[in-house]
Every structure is written in C-alpha cells, then in structure tokens.
PDB file of N, CA and C in Angstrom:
ATOM      1  N   ALA A   1      -0.783  94.113 223.211  1.00  0.00           N
ATOM      2  CA  ALA A   1      -2.136  93.126 222.479  1.00  0.00           C
ATOM      3  C   ALA A   1      -1.871  91.724 222.577  1.00  0.00           C
ATOM      4  N   LEU A   2      -0.990  90.792 222.872  1.00  0.00           N
ATOM      5  CA  LEU A   2      -0.989  89.494 223.509  1.00  0.00           C
ATOM      6  C   LEU A   2      -2.049  89.142 224.366  1.00  0.00           C
ATOM      7  N   ALA A   3      -1.995  90.312 225.428  1.00  0.00           N
ATOM      8  CA  ALA A   3      -2.336  90.496 226.609  1.00  0.00           C
ATOM      9  C   ALA A   3      -4.253  90.530 226.774  1.00  0.00           C
ATOM     10  N   ALA A   4      -3.817  91.487 225.796  1.00  0.00           N
ATOM     11  CA  ALA A   4      -5.332  91.774 225.203  1.00  0.00           C
ATOM     12  C   ALA A   4      -6.518  90.958 224.754  1.00  0.00           C
ATOM     13  N   ARG A   5      -5.670  89.696 223.849  1.00  0.00           N
ATOM     14  CA  ARG A   5      -6.672  88.821 223.086  1.00  0.00           C
ATOM     15  C   ARG A   5      -6.622  87.687 224.300  1.00  0.00           C
ATOM     16  N   LEU A   6      -5.462  87.505 225.203  1.00  0.00           N
ATOM     17  CA  LEU A   6      -5.554  85.978 225.652  1.00  0.00           C
ATOM     18  C   LEU A   6      -7.021  86.552 227.008  1.00  0.00           C
ATOM     19  N   THR A   7      -6.786  87.979 227.017  1.00  0.00           N
ATOM     20  CA  THR A   7      -7.749  87.995 228.330  1.00  0.00           C
ATOM     21  C   THR A   7      -9.388  88.458 227.168  1.00  0.00           C
ATOM     22  N   GLY A   8      -9.738  88.683 225.876  1.00  0.00           N
ATOM     23  CA  GLY A   8     -10.713  88.196 225.374  1.00  0.00           C
ATOM     24  C   GLY A   8     -11.264  89.555 225.116  1.00  0.00           C
ATOM     25  N   GLY A   9      -9.969  90.564 224.949  1.00  0.00           N
ATOM     26  CA  GLY A   9     -10.150  91.733 224.612  1.00  0.00           C
ATOM     27  C   GLY A   9      -9.700  91.577 223.445  1.00  0.00           C
ATOM     28  N   ALA A  10     -10.827  92.835 222.160  1.00  0.00           N
ATOM     29  CA  ALA A  10     -10.055  92.992 220.933  1.00  0.00           C
ATOM     30  C   ALA A  10      -8.787  93.228 220.697  1.00  0.00           C
ATOM     31  N   ALA A  11      -7.525  92.565 220.346  1.00  0.00           N
ATOM     32  CA  ALA A  11      -6.205  93.361 219.399  1.00  0.00           C
ATOM     33  C   ALA A  11      -6.336  92.620 218.378  1.00  0.00           C
ATOM     34  N   PRO A  12      -6.076  93.626 217.421  1.00  0.00           N
ATOM     35  CA  PRO A  12      -5.852  93.082 216.094  1.00  0.00           C
ATOM     36  C   PRO A  12      -4.206  92.769 215.898  1.00  0.00           C
ATOM     37  N   TYR A  13      -3.824  92.221 215.314  1.00  0.00           N
ATOM     38  CA  TYR A  13      -2.446  91.591 214.980  1.00  0.00           C
ATOM     39  C   TYR A  13      -1.688  92.808 214.259  1.00  0.00           C
ATOM     40  N   THR A  14      -0.648  93.215 214.264  1.00  0.00           N
ATOM     41  CA  THR A  14      -0.065  94.232 213.362  1.00  0.00           C
ATOM     42  C   THR A  14       1.086  93.450 212.634  1.00  0.00           C
ATOM     43  N   GLY A  15       1.428  93.397 213.278  1.00  0.00           N
ATOM     44  CA  GLY A  15       2.983  92.483 212.606  1.00  0.00           C
ATOM     45  C   GLY A  15       3.771  92.168 213.382  1.00  0.00           C
ATOM     46  N   THR A  16       5.515  91.538 212.581  1.00  0.00           N
ATOM     47  CA  THR A  16       6.304  91.794 213.758  1.00  0.00           C
ATOM     48  C   THR A  16       7.588  92.302 212.660  1.00  0.00           C
ATOM     49  N   ARG A  17       7.712  93.040 213.154  1.00  0.00           N
ATOM     50  CA  ARG A  17       9.364  94.219 212.290  1.00  0.00           C
ATOM     51  C   ARG A  17      10.172  93.038 212.967  1.00  0.00           C
ATOM     52  N   THR A  18      11.142  92.692 211.847  1.00  0.00           N
ATOM     53  CA  THR A  18      12.005  92.310 212.134  1.00  0.00           C
ATOM     54  C   THR A  18      13.416  93.163 212.224  1.00  0.00           C
ATOM     55  N   LEU A  19      14.540  92.916 212.553  1.00  0.00           N
ATOM     56  CA  LEU A  19      15.752  93.514 212.138  1.00  0.00           C
ATOM     57  C   LEU A  19      16.759  91.935 211.857  1.00  0.00           C
ATOM     58  N   THR A  20      17.268  91.927 211.424  1.00  0.00           N
ATOM     59  CA  THR A  20      18.431  90.956 210.647  1.00  0.00           C
ATOM     60  C   THR A  20      19.537  91.695 211.069  1.00  0.00           C
ATOM     61  N   ARG A  21      20.464  90.861 211.420  1.00  0.00           N
ATOM     62  CA  ARG A  21      22.143  90.876 211.609  1.00  0.00           C
ATOM     63  C   ARG A  21      22.941  89.965 211.099  1.00  0.00           C
ATOM     64  N   LEU A  22      24.011  90.026 210.455  1.00  0.00           N
ATOM     65  CA  LEU A  22      24.492  88.356 209.514  1.00  0.00           C
ATOM     66  C   LEU A  22      25.986  89.149 209.639  1.00  0.00           C
ATOM     67  N   THR A  23      27.295  88.048 209.733  1.00  0.00           N
ATOM     68  CA  THR A  23      28.328  88.543 209.923  1.00  0.00           C
ATOM     69  C   THR A  23      28.594  87.535 208.362  1.00  0.00           C
ATOM     70  N   LEU A  24      29.004  87.880 207.342  1.00  0.00           N
ATOM     71  CA  LEU A  24      29.251  87.121 206.205  1.00  0.00           C
ATOM     72  C   LEU A  24      31.209  87.242 206.419  1.00  0.00           C
ATOM     73  N   PRO A  25      31.269  85.863 205.951  1.00  0.00           N
ATOM     74  CA  PRO A  25      32.797  85.582 205.907  1.00  0.00           C
ATOM     75  C   PRO A  25      33.323  86.736 204.400  1.00  0.00           C
ATOM     76  N   HIS A  26      34.212  87.582 204.018  1.00  0.00           N
ATOM     77  CA  HIS A  26      34.794  88.019 203.358  1.00  0.00           C
ATOM     78  C   HIS A  26      36.627  87.862 203.431  1.00  0.00           C
ATOM     79  N   GLU A  27      37.088  87.624 202.503  1.00  0.00           N
ATOM     80  CA  GLU A  27      39.093  87.848 202.162  1.00  0.00           C
ATOM     81  C   GLU A  27      39.391  88.788 203.139  1.00  0.00           C
ATOM     82  N   ALA A  28      38.705  90.148 203.414  1.00  0.00           N
ATOM     83  CA  ALA A  28      39.775  91.031 204.523  1.00  0.00           C
ATOM     84  C   ALA A  28      38.989  90.833 205.453  1.00  0.00           C
ATOM     85  N   GLY A  29      38.342  90.111 206.059  1.00  0.00           N
ATOM     86  CA  GLY A  29      37.389  89.838 207.558  1.00  0.00           C
ATOM     87  C   GLY A  29      36.390  89.819 207.241  1.00  0.00           C
ATOM     88  N   PRO A  30      35.609  88.867 208.381  1.00  0.00           N
ATOM     89  CA  PRO A  30      34.206  89.256 208.657  1.00  0.00           C
ATOM     90  C   PRO A  30      33.912  90.704 208.360  1.00  0.00           C
ATOM     91  N   LEU A  31      32.425  90.628 207.689  1.00  0.00           N
ATOM     92  CA  LEU A  31      31.819  91.819 207.283  1.00  0.00           C
ATOM     93  C   LEU A  31      30.678  91.985 207.861  1.00  0.00           C
ATOM     94  N   ASP A  32      30.480  92.656 208.758  1.00  0.00           N
ATOM     95  CA  ASP A  32      29.088  93.185 209.736  1.00  0.00           C
ATOM     96  C   ASP A  32      27.514  93.753 208.908  1.00  0.00           C
ATOM     97  N   LEU A  33      26.956  93.435 208.829  1.00  0.00           N
ATOM     98  CA  LEU A  33      25.230  93.696 208.126  1.00  0.00           C
ATOM     99  C   LEU A  33      24.240  93.492 208.933  1.00  0.00           C
ATOM    100  N   ALA A  34      23.233  94.785 209.024  1.00  0.00           N
ATOM    101  CA  ALA A  34      22.249  94.513 209.480  1.00  0.00           C
ATOM    102  C   ALA A  34      21.137  95.827 208.648  1.00  0.00           C
ATOM    103  N   ALA A  35      19.684  95.260 208.686  1.00  0.00           N
ATOM    104  CA  ALA A  35      18.836  95.625 207.218  1.00  0.00           C
ATOM    105  C   ALA A  35      17.625  95.557 208.291  1.00  0.00           C
ATOM    106  N   PHE A  36      16.706  96.356 208.084  1.00  0.00           N
ATOM    107  CA  PHE A  36      15.474  96.250 208.772  1.00  0.00           C
ATOM    108  C   PHE A  36      14.520  97.182 208.555  1.00  0.00           C
ATOM    109  N   GLY A  37      13.329  97.266 208.024  1.00  0.00           N
ATOM    110  CA  GLY A  37      12.176  97.896 207.641  1.00  0.00           C
ATOM    111  C   GLY A  37      11.683  97.642 206.121  1.00  0.00           C
ATOM    112  N   GLU A  38      11.487  98.422 205.522  1.00  0.00           N
ATOM    113  CA  GLU A  38      11.436  99.029 203.959  1.00  0.00           C
ATOM    114  C   GLU A  38      12.694  99.193 203.434  1.00  0.00           C
ATOM    115  N   THR A  39      13.775  98.737 203.005  1.00  0.00           N
ATOM    116  CA  THR A  39      14.982  99.631 202.288  1.00  0.00           C
ATOM    117  C   THR A  39      15.084  99.707 200.780  1.00  0.00           C
ATOM    118  N   ASP A  40      13.480  99.694 200.183  1.00  0.00           N
ATOM    119  CA  ASP A  40      13.500 100.426 199.083  1.00  0.00           C
ATOM    120  C   ASP A  40      12.897 101.242 198.829  1.00  0.00           C
ATOM    121  N   PRO A  41      12.870 102.585 198.648  1.00  0.00           N
ATOM    122  CA  PRO A  41      12.213 103.371 199.186  1.00  0.00           C
ATOM    123  C   PRO A  41      10.930 103.367 197.699  1.00  0.00           C
ATOM    124  N   LEU A  42       9.999 103.968 198.373  1.00  0.00           N
ATOM    125  CA  LEU A  42       8.949 104.602 197.341  1.00  0.00           C
ATOM    126  C   LEU A  42       8.304 105.697 197.114  1.00  0.00           C
ATOM    127  N   PRO A  43       7.810 106.507 195.841  1.00  0.00           N
ATOM    128  CA  PRO A  43       7.910 107.297 195.470  1.00  0.00           C
ATOM    129  C   PRO A  43       7.650 108.656 196.826  1.00  0.00           C
ATOM    130  N   GLY A  44       8.437 109.772 196.640  1.00  0.00           N
ATOM    131  CA  GLY A  44       7.816 110.681 197.716  1.00  0.00           C
ATOM    132  C   GLY A  44       8.763 110.423 199.134  1.00  0.00           C
ATOM    133  N   ASP A  45       9.708 109.436 199.364  1.00  0.00           N
ATOM    134  CA  ASP A  45      10.565 108.987 200.397  1.00  0.00           C
ATOM    135  C   ASP A  45      11.529 109.491 200.325  1.00  0.00           C
ATOM    136  N   ASP A  46      12.330 109.994 201.125  1.00  0.00           N
ATOM    137  CA  ASP A  46      13.609 110.640 201.463  1.00  0.00           C
ATOM    138  C   ASP A  46      14.675 109.503 201.413  1.00  0.00           C
ATOM    139  N   VAL A  47      15.757 109.360 201.395  1.00  0.00           N
ATOM    140  CA  VAL A  47      17.035 108.261 201.346  1.00  0.00           C
ATOM    141  C   VAL A  47      18.274 109.308 201.495  1.00  0.00           C
ATOM    142  N   VAL A  48      18.812 108.672 202.798  1.00  0.00           N
ATOM    143  CA  VAL A  48      20.094 108.977 203.687  1.00  0.00           C
ATOM    144  C   VAL A  48      21.065 108.380 203.244  1.00  0.00           C
ATOM    145  N   GLN A  49      22.004 108.358 202.329  1.00  0.00           N
ATOM    146  CA  GLN A  49      23.348 107.358 201.891  1.00  0.00           C
ATOM    147  C   GLN A  49      24.745 107.579 202.264  1.00  0.00           C
ATOM    148  N   LEU A  50      25.001 107.564 203.164  1.00  0.00           N
ATOM    149  CA  LEU A  50      26.389 107.504 203.377  1.00  0.00           C
ATOM    150  C   LEU A  50      27.336 106.500 202.970  1.00  0.00           C
ATOM    151  N   THR A  51      28.761 106.125 202.456  1.00  0.00           N
ATOM    152  CA  THR A  51      29.179 105.388 201.840  1.00  0.00           C
ATOM    153  C   THR A  51      31.085 106.030 202.578  1.00  0.00           C
ATOM    154  N   ASP A  52      31.834 105.070 203.178  1.00  0.00           N
ATOM    155  CA  ASP A  52      33.109 105.414 203.365  1.00  0.00           C
ATOM    156  C   ASP A  52      33.884 104.446 203.069  1.00  0.00           C
ATOM    157  N   ALA A  53      34.682 104.455 201.939  1.00  0.00           N
ATOM    158  CA  ALA A  53      35.556 103.443 201.461  1.00  0.00           C
ATOM    159  C   ALA A  53      36.564 103.108 202.018  1.00  0.00           C
ATOM    160  N   THR A  54      37.244 104.014 202.682  1.00  0.00           N
ATOM    161  CA  THR A  54      38.251 103.793 203.399  1.00  0.00           C
ATOM    162  C   THR A  54      37.655 103.092 204.722  1.00  0.00           C
ATOM    163  N   ARG A  55      36.764 103.001 205.580  1.00  0.00           N
ATOM    164  CA  ARG A  55      36.122 102.586 206.917  1.00  0.00           C
ATOM    165  C   ARG A  55      35.635 101.402 206.200  1.00  0.00           C
ATOM    166  N   GLY A  56      35.399 101.240 204.882  1.00  0.00           N
ATOM    167  CA  GLY A  56      34.423 100.152 204.521  1.00  0.00           C
ATOM    168  C   GLY A  56      33.233  99.577 205.217  1.00  0.00           C
ATOM    169  N   THR A  57      32.504 101.647 205.678  1.00  0.00           N
ATOM    170  CA  THR A  57      31.290 101.070 205.595  1.00  0.00           C
ATOM    171  C   THR A  57      30.092 102.105 204.828  1.00  0.00           C
ATOM    172  N   TYR A  58      29.090 101.462 204.452  1.00  0.00           N
ATOM    173  CA  TYR A  58      27.868 101.754 204.012  1.00  0.00           C
ATOM    174  C   TYR A  58      26.903 102.130 205.220  1.00  0.00           C
ATOM    175  N   ARG A  59      25.785 103.131 205.243  1.00  0.00           N
ATOM    176  CA  ARG A  59      24.732 103.346 205.580  1.00  0.00           C
ATOM    177  C   ARG A  59      23.452 103.957 204.578  1.00  0.00           C
ATOM    178  N   LYS A  60      22.324 103.476 204.792  1.00  0.00           N
ATOM    179  CA  LYS A  60      21.361 104.089 204.112  1.00  0.00           C
ATOM    180  C   LYS A  60      20.126 103.638 204.745  1.00  0.00           C
ATOM    181  N   VAL A  61      19.129 104.860 205.205  1.00  0.00           N
ATOM    182  CA  VAL A  61      18.071 104.920 205.958  1.00  0.00           C
ATOM    183  C   VAL A  61      17.310 105.271 205.092  1.00  0.00           C
ATOM    184  N   VAL A  62      15.611 104.474 205.203  1.00  0.00           N
ATOM    185  CA  VAL A  62      14.806 105.918 204.399  1.00  0.00           C
ATOM    186  C   VAL A  62      13.262 106.357 205.191  1.00  0.00           C
ATOM    187  N   VAL A  63      12.966 107.289 204.338  1.00  0.00           N
ATOM    188  CA  VAL A  63      11.978 108.311 205.326  1.00  0.00           C
ATOM    189  C   VAL A  63      10.817 108.471 205.022  1.00  0.00           C
ATOM    190  N   ARG A  64       9.883 108.175 205.574  1.00  0.00           N
ATOM    191  CA  ARG A  64       8.979 108.338 205.266  1.00  0.00           C
ATOM    192  C   ARG A  64       7.987 109.359 205.977  1.00  0.00           C
ATOM    193  N   GLY A  65       7.819 110.731 205.180  1.00  0.00           N
ATOM    194  CA  GLY A  65       7.262 111.787 206.103  1.00  0.00           C
ATOM    195  C   GLY A  65       8.376 111.913 207.372  1.00  0.00           C
ATOM    196  N   ASP A  66       8.053 112.041 208.565  1.00  0.00           N
ATOM    197  CA  ASP A  66       8.791 112.150 209.666  1.00  0.00           C
ATOM    198  C   ASP A  66       8.816 110.592 210.349  1.00  0.00           C
ATOM    199  N   ARG A  67       8.458 109.751 209.568  1.00  0.00           N
ATOM    200  CA  ARG A  67       8.959 108.502 210.245  1.00  0.00           C
ATOM    201  C   ARG A  67      10.100 107.340 209.714  1.00  0.00           C
ATOM    202  N   LEU A  68      11.019 107.136 210.215  1.00  0.00           N
ATOM    203  CA  LEU A  68      11.906 106.402 209.879  1.00  0.00           C
ATOM    204  C   LEU A  68      11.618 104.741 209.476  1.00  0.00           C
ATOM    205  N   VAL A  69      11.461 104.341 208.053  1.00  0.00           N
ATOM    206  CA  VAL A  69      11.021 103.423 208.013  1.00  0.00           C
ATOM    207  C   VAL A  69      11.966 102.047 207.529  1.00  0.00           C
ATOM    208  N   GLY A  70      13.366 102.098 207.608  1.00  0.00           N
ATOM    209  CA  GLY A  70      14.047 101.004 207.148  1.00  0.00           C
ATOM    210  C   GLY A  70      15.328 101.552 207.119  1.00  0.00           C
ATOM    211  N   GLY A  71      16.404 100.125 206.948  1.00  0.00           N
ATOM    212  CA  GLY A  71      17.831 101.087 206.431  1.00  0.00           C
ATOM    213  C   GLY A  71      18.420  99.564 206.563  1.00  0.00           C
ATOM    214  N   VAL A  72      19.997 100.409 205.972  1.00  0.00           N
ATOM    215  CA  VAL A  72      20.633  99.083 205.711  1.00  0.00           C
ATOM    216  C   VAL A  72      21.851  99.213 206.190  1.00  0.00           C
ATOM    217  N   LEU A  73      22.646  98.844 207.126  1.00  0.00           N
ATOM    218  CA  LEU A  73      24.027  98.997 206.993  1.00  0.00           C
ATOM    219  C   LEU A  73      25.202  98.073 207.281  1.00  0.00           C
ATOM    220  N   VAL A  74      26.024  98.632 206.229  1.00  0.00           N
ATOM    221  CA  VAL A  74      27.173  97.280 206.604  1.00  0.00           C
ATOM    222  C   VAL A  74      28.124  97.938 206.579  1.00  0.00           C
ATOM    223  N   GLY A  75      29.172  97.056 207.737  1.00  0.00           N
ATOM    224  CA  GLY A  75      30.377  97.429 208.223  1.00  0.00           C
ATOM    225  C   GLY A  75      29.857  97.819 209.566  1.00  0.00           C
ATOM    226  N   GLU A  76      30.294  98.700 210.111  1.00  0.00           N
ATOM    227  CA  GLU A  76      30.443  98.948 211.499  1.00  0.00           C
ATOM    228  C   GLU A  76      28.892  99.249 211.873  1.00  0.00           C
ATOM    229  N   LEU A  77      28.703  98.811 213.112  1.00  0.00           N
ATOM    230  CA  LEU A  77      26.801  98.467 212.888  1.00  0.00           C
ATOM    231  C   LEU A  77      27.067  99.518 214.730  1.00  0.00           C
ATOM    232  N   ALA A  78      27.874  99.907 214.724  1.00  0.00           N
ATOM    233  CA  ALA A  78      27.356 101.109 216.253  1.00  0.00           C
ATOM    234  C   ALA A  78      26.384 101.963 216.464  1.00  0.00           C
ATOM    235  N   SER A  79      25.869 101.978 215.303  1.00  0.00           N
ATOM    236  CA  SER A  79      24.713 103.416 215.350  1.00  0.00           C
ATOM    237  C   SER A  79      22.737 102.199 214.874  1.00  0.00           C
ATOM    238  N   VAL A  80      23.281 100.644 214.833  1.00  0.00           N
ATOM    239  CA  VAL A  80      22.227  99.954 214.478  1.00  0.00           C
ATOM    240  C   VAL A  80      21.415 100.101 215.423  1.00  0.00           C
ATOM    241  N   GLY A  81      21.259  99.999 216.876  1.00  0.00           N
ATOM    242  CA  GLY A  81      20.850 100.363 217.646  1.00  0.00           C
ATOM    243  C   GLY A  81      19.582 101.397 218.224  1.00  0.00           C
ATOM    244  N   ALA A  82      20.435 102.343 217.425  1.00  0.00           N
ATOM    245  CA  ALA A  82      20.040 103.644 217.539  1.00  0.00           C
ATOM    246  C   ALA A  82      19.016 104.091 216.680  1.00  0.00           C
ATOM    247  N   LEU A  83      19.321 103.475 215.909  1.00  0.00           N
ATOM    248  CA  LEU A  83      18.559 103.333 214.533  1.00  0.00           C
ATOM    249  C   LEU A  83      16.855 102.505 214.993  1.00  0.00           C
ATOM    250  N   ALA A  84      17.303 100.723 215.046  1.00  0.00           N
ATOM    251  CA  ALA A  84      16.254 100.443 215.279  1.00  0.00           C
ATOM    252  C   ALA A  84      15.513 100.764 216.136  1.00  0.00           C
ATOM    253  N   HIS A  85      15.669 101.975 217.334  1.00  0.00           N
ATOM    254  CA  HIS A  85      14.739 102.009 218.064  1.00  0.00           C
ATOM    255  C   HIS A  85      14.061 103.042 217.934  1.00  0.00           C
ATOM    256  N   ALA A  86      14.833 104.170 216.381  1.00  0.00           N
ATOM    257  CA  ALA A  86      14.256 105.324 215.581  1.00  0.00           C
ATOM    258  C   ALA A  86      13.103 104.399 215.449  1.00  0.00           C
ATOM    259  N   TRP A  87      13.307 103.321 214.623  1.00  0.00           N
ATOM    260  CA  TRP A  87      11.914 102.750 213.468  1.00  0.00           C
ATOM    261  C   TRP A  87      10.995 101.862 214.666  1.00  0.00           C
ATOM    262  N   GLU A  88      11.627 101.237 215.437  1.00  0.00           N
ATOM    263  CA  GLU A  88      10.388 100.536 216.072  1.00  0.00           C
ATOM    264  C   GLU A  88       9.257 101.536 217.017  1.00  0.00           C
ATOM    265  N   SER A  89       9.747 102.110 217.360  1.00  0.00           N
ATOM    266  CA  SER A  89       8.894 103.104 218.017  1.00  0.00           C
ATOM    267  C   SER A  89       7.861 103.774 216.884  1.00  0.00           C
ATOM    268  N   ASP A  90       8.483 103.651 215.894  1.00  0.00           N
ATOM    269  CA  ASP A  90       7.498 104.552 215.287  1.00  0.00           C
ATOM    270  C   ASP A  90       6.904 105.540 215.267  1.00  0.00           C
ATOM    271  N   GLU A  91       7.930 106.400 216.390  1.00  0.00           N
ATOM    272  CA  GLU A  91       7.693 108.028 216.650  1.00  0.00           C
ATOM    273  C   GLU A  91       8.158 109.099 215.671  1.00  0.00           C
ATOM    274  N   SER A  92       7.562 109.893 215.556  1.00  0.00           N
ATOM    275  CA  SER A  92       8.318 110.859 214.583  1.00  0.00           C
ATOM    276  C   SER A  92       9.764 111.229 215.032  1.00  0.00           C
ATOM    277  N   LEU A  93      10.607 111.603 213.994  1.00  0.00           N
ATOM    278  CA  LEU A  93      11.895 111.740 214.373  1.00  0.00           C
ATOM    279  C   LEU A  93      11.957 113.355 214.666  1.00  0.00           C
ATOM    280  N   PRO A  94      12.975 113.743 215.255  1.00  0.00           N
ATOM    281  CA  PRO A  94      12.866 115.162 215.775  1.00  0.00           C
ATOM    282  C   PRO A  94      13.314 115.829 214.670  1.00  0.00           C
ATOM    283  N   ALA A  95      12.828 117.259 214.219  1.00  0.00           N
ATOM    284  CA  ALA A  95      13.120 118.416 213.584  1.00  0.00           C
ATOM    285  C   ALA A  95      14.342 118.119 213.725  1.00  0.00           C
ATOM    286  N   ASP A  96      14.663 119.038 212.837  1.00  0.00           N
ATOM    287  CA  ASP A  96      16.334 119.820 212.414  1.00  0.00           C
ATOM    288  C   ASP A  96      16.186 120.941 213.316  1.00  0.00           C
ATOM    289  N   ASP A  97      17.502 121.002 213.890  1.00  0.00           N
ATOM    290  CA  ASP A  97      17.995 121.117 214.348  1.00  0.00           C
ATOM    291  C   ASP A  97      18.431 123.056 214.221  1.00  0.00           C
ATOM    292  N   ALA A  98      19.706 123.859 214.974  1.00  0.00           N
ATOM    293  CA  ALA A  98      20.393 124.937 214.649  1.00  0.00           C
ATOM    294  C   ALA A  98      21.696 124.232 213.728  1.00  0.00           C
ATOM    295  N   VAL A  99      22.282 123.132 214.789  1.00  0.00           N
ATOM    296  CA  VAL A  99      23.162 122.474 214.144  1.00  0.00           C
ATOM    297  C   VAL A  99      23.043 121.223 213.376  1.00  0.00           C
ATOM    298  N   GLY A 100      21.966 120.902 213.022  1.00  0.00           N
ATOM    299  CA  GLY A 100      21.719 119.791 212.040  1.00  0.00           C
ATOM    300  C   GLY A 100      20.982 118.870 211.881  1.00  0.00           C
ATOM    301  N   ALA A 101      20.868 117.944 211.230  1.00  0.00           N
ATOM    302  CA  ALA A 101      19.611 116.651 211.223  1.00  0.00           C
ATOM    303  C   ALA A 101      20.141 115.481 212.085  1.00  0.00           C
ATOM    304  N   PRO A 102      19.014 115.798 213.084  1.00  0.00           N
ATOM    305  CA  PRO A 102      19.422 114.911 213.850  1.00  0.00           C
ATOM    306  C   PRO A 102      19.454 112.956 213.309  1.00  0.00           C
ATOM    307  N   LEU A 103      18.616 112.819 212.268  1.00  0.00           N
ATOM    308  CA  LEU A 103      18.846 111.777 211.381  1.00  0.00           C
ATOM    309  C   LEU A 103      20.237 111.792 210.843  1.00  0.00           C
ATOM    310  N   LEU A 104      21.163 112.316 210.308  1.00  0.00           N
ATOM    311  CA  LEU A 104      22.731 112.491 209.928  1.00  0.00           C
ATOM    312  C   LEU A 104      23.513 112.491 211.295  1.00  0.00           C
ATOM    313  N   HIS A 105      22.900 112.722 212.378  1.00  0.00           N
ATOM    314  CA  HIS A 105      23.607 112.723 213.541  1.00  0.00           C
ATOM    315  C   HIS A 105      23.843 111.267 213.723  1.00  0.00           C
ATOM    316  N   LEU A 106      22.599 110.466 213.843  1.00  0.00           N
ATOM    317  CA  LEU A 106      22.258 109.159 213.778  1.00  0.00           C
ATOM    318  C   LEU A 106      23.706 108.305 213.277  1.00  0.00           C
ATOM    319  N   LEU A 107      23.570 108.644 211.879  1.00  0.00           N
ATOM    320  CA  LEU A 107      24.280 107.898 210.925  1.00  0.00           C
ATOM    321  C   LEU A 107      25.690 108.305 210.895  1.00  0.00           C
ATOM    322  N   THR A 108      26.025 109.050 211.751  1.00  0.00           N
ATOM    323  CA  THR A 108      27.400 109.245 211.702  1.00  0.00           C
ATOM    324  C   THR A 108      28.291 109.572 213.189  1.00  0.00           C
ATOM    325  N   HIS A 109      27.831 109.507 213.901  1.00  0.00           N
ATOM    326  CA  HIS A 109      27.995 109.446 214.910  1.00  0.00           C
ATOM    327  C   HIS A 109      27.950 108.050 216.304  1.00  0.00           C
ATOM    328  N   ASP A 110      27.404 107.005 215.311  1.00  0.00           N
ATOM    329  CA  ASP A 110      27.168 105.719 216.162  1.00  0.00           C
ATOM    330  C   ASP A 110      25.812 105.926 217.559  1.00  0.00           C
ATOM    331  N   GLY A 111      25.276 106.839 217.063  1.00  0.00           N
ATOM    332  CA  GLY A 111      23.330 106.676 217.733  1.00  0.00           C
ATOM    333  C   GLY A 111      23.384 107.585 218.882  1.00  0.00           C
ATOM    334  N   GLY A 112      21.627 107.891 219.051  1.00  0.00           N
ATOM    335  CA  GLY A 112      21.353 109.181 219.966  1.00  0.00           C
ATOM    336  C   GLY A 112      21.008 109.646 219.723  1.00  0.00           C
ATOM    337  N   LEU A 113      19.815 109.566 219.555  1.00  0.00           N
ATOM    338  CA  LEU A 113      18.420 110.123 219.482  1.00  0.00           C
ATOM    339  C   LEU A 113      18.231 111.550 220.362  1.00  0.00           C
TER     340      LEU A 113
END
C-alpha cells in the first residue's frame, strides 16, 4: 500500500493492526498478557474461552464468520504467534476436521494451523 501511494497509485490506508504484549508485576511472579484485534464480541460472533486455574492461564478468541477477529491471552503466551498470524492474515480459518476444531488446537497446543 505504501509503495503504491509513493509511486502515485491509489492505495487507501486500511489501518494498522496492533498486538499488545505486556508483562505485569504480580505477587506470584510476572504475569504475561497479550491482546489483539476486537476482544469484545458483537452479536452473532462466536467466542472460545479457556481458563486453567492450575496453570494460571486464560485464553479468549473472538471469531466472526470464518475469521479470527481478536483475542486475549493471559499467562502462557506460546500460542500468541500462531493466533496473531491467523488474525493478521485475515484468511478463513480451516474447517473442522474429524479430529476437532483447528481453533481449539491453536488455543490448547501452543499454535500451528
């Protein structure tokens, strides 16, 4: 888009996608947090939310149609790269297969579409 704009072509600015990663001080040790996209669902959106009190993790993603539109992860952030890639690429999420939903796999197995 920038190259087209600099060379005189019409390339509308479509906005910047940001992913925020923080490490917050906590009495039990540092608390890692990542958030990206739209974390508050709209009517009709699907929300997948997983909480593991033993591991101190929380994962929530918002899916609109067949697209990942946002998420929040607290605690273990190993899957944030794969989730952020699925969000940034704005491609359709893979359809469910015989083994289970790929999105659930992303949330529970540290990434990899």
